[in-house]
Structures are given as C-alpha cells and as structure tokens.
Protein backbone atom coordinates (compact mmCIF):
# COMPACT_ATOMS: atom_id res chain seq x y z
CA MET A 1 206.11 -160.87 -88.33
CA GLN A 2 203.49 -162.58 -86.25
CA ALA A 3 199.79 -161.87 -86.69
CA ILE A 4 197.54 -161.73 -83.66
CA PHE A 5 193.85 -160.96 -83.38
CA ILE A 6 192.38 -159.19 -80.37
CA MET A 7 188.66 -159.21 -79.68
CA VAL A 8 187.70 -156.07 -77.77
CA LYS A 9 184.65 -155.41 -75.59
CA CYS A 10 183.93 -151.70 -75.18
CA GLU A 11 181.88 -149.61 -72.82
CA LEU A 12 178.37 -149.04 -74.16
CA GLY A 13 178.30 -146.52 -77.00
CA LYS A 14 182.10 -146.26 -77.26
CA ALA A 15 183.02 -148.83 -79.94
CA TYR A 16 183.59 -146.25 -82.69
CA ASP A 17 185.69 -144.07 -80.40
CA VAL A 18 187.80 -147.06 -79.36
CA ALA A 19 188.23 -148.20 -82.97
CA ALA A 20 189.37 -144.73 -84.05
CA GLU A 21 191.85 -144.47 -81.19
CA ILE A 22 193.29 -147.92 -81.94
CA VAL A 23 193.69 -147.19 -85.66
CA ASP A 24 195.20 -143.74 -85.09
CA LYS A 25 197.57 -144.49 -82.21
CA ILE A 26 198.83 -148.10 -82.44
CA GLU A 27 201.23 -148.64 -85.33
CA GLN A 28 201.14 -152.46 -85.15
CA VAL A 29 197.42 -152.46 -85.98
CA SER A 30 196.63 -153.58 -89.52
CA GLU A 31 192.82 -153.60 -89.48
CA VAL A 32 189.90 -153.07 -87.10
CA TYR A 33 186.47 -154.57 -87.74
CA SER A 34 183.20 -154.00 -85.93
CA ILE A 35 181.68 -157.37 -85.09
CA SER A 36 178.52 -158.76 -83.51
CA GLY A 37 178.29 -160.98 -80.48
CA GLN A 38 180.06 -160.92 -77.14
CA TYR A 39 182.79 -158.55 -78.38
CA ASP A 40 182.48 -155.29 -80.30
CA LEU A 41 185.73 -155.08 -82.30
CA LEU A 42 188.19 -157.45 -83.94
CA VAL A 43 191.69 -155.98 -84.16
CA LYS A 44 194.35 -157.51 -86.43
CA CYS A 45 197.93 -156.70 -85.46
CA TYR A 46 201.36 -157.62 -86.76
CA LEU A 47 204.09 -157.91 -84.16
CA SER A 48 207.77 -158.59 -84.66
CA ARG A 49 208.78 -162.10 -83.59
CA ASP A 50 210.70 -160.72 -80.61
CA GLN A 51 207.85 -158.51 -79.35
CA ASP A 52 206.11 -159.83 -76.23
CA VAL A 53 202.41 -160.40 -77.00
CA GLY A 54 201.33 -160.12 -73.37
CA HIS A 55 203.08 -156.80 -72.83
CA PHE A 56 201.68 -155.46 -76.11
CA VAL A 57 198.10 -156.40 -75.23
CA THR A 58 198.17 -155.29 -71.59
CA GLY A 59 200.54 -152.35 -71.92
CA VAL A 60 199.34 -150.87 -75.21
CA VAL A 61 195.91 -152.10 -76.35
CA GLN A 62 194.24 -152.40 -72.95
CA GLN A 63 195.37 -148.87 -72.08
CA VAL A 64 193.02 -147.38 -74.68
CA PRO A 65 190.15 -145.62 -72.86
CA HIS A 66 186.72 -147.32 -72.77
CA ILE A 67 187.97 -150.90 -73.31
CA LYS A 68 186.30 -153.25 -70.83
CA ASP A 69 187.75 -156.63 -71.85
CA THR A 70 189.90 -158.34 -74.48
CA GLN A 71 190.53 -161.83 -75.76
CA THR A 72 193.69 -162.49 -77.76
CA ILE A 73 194.12 -165.09 -80.49
CA ILE A 74 197.72 -165.94 -81.31
CA THR A 75 198.30 -167.30 -84.80
CA PHE A 76 200.81 -169.91 -85.96
CA ASN A 77 200.54 -170.33 -89.75
CA ALA A 78 198.76 -168.49 -92.53
CA PHE A 79 197.36 -170.62 -95.35
CA THR A 80 196.68 -169.22 -98.79
C-alpha cells in the first residue's frame, strides 16, 4: 500500500460537508483532518501500488461537491 496526502480547499462554509462526504464515500481514505492555512482539509489515503494516483485524485476525490482545489503529496517511505 502507498500512502498519499491530499490537501483540499473547499468552498466557503463547506469544509465539514466535504469532510463527511470524503469519509463516508471513499474507501481508500484513512483519516481526514481540518487544518488552518491555505487549505481546509488534510486527507490521508492508502492506495494499492498498482492504483493510479492521478486518476484517483481527479476521478474520485475532486468529484466530491464543493471542492475548489487540491494539492497531492506522494509518499515514499514511512519512518518509525
């Protein structure tokens, strides 16, 4: 499994609605955090190694209503 993080910018007043929709409807989502700054949410996802990150982000996550923008962080190694 590959972990990716997606920072999500929402329409004004819609962050909680977007977070609920992401948690309820996207099975690859592990956690969603509200954050401060340029983006409203930080979404942690686990994808299979053969799943296309670009298609997942544009075809699944960005299709959630009230999302204005995303920035994806692709991870390589986890250190513990």
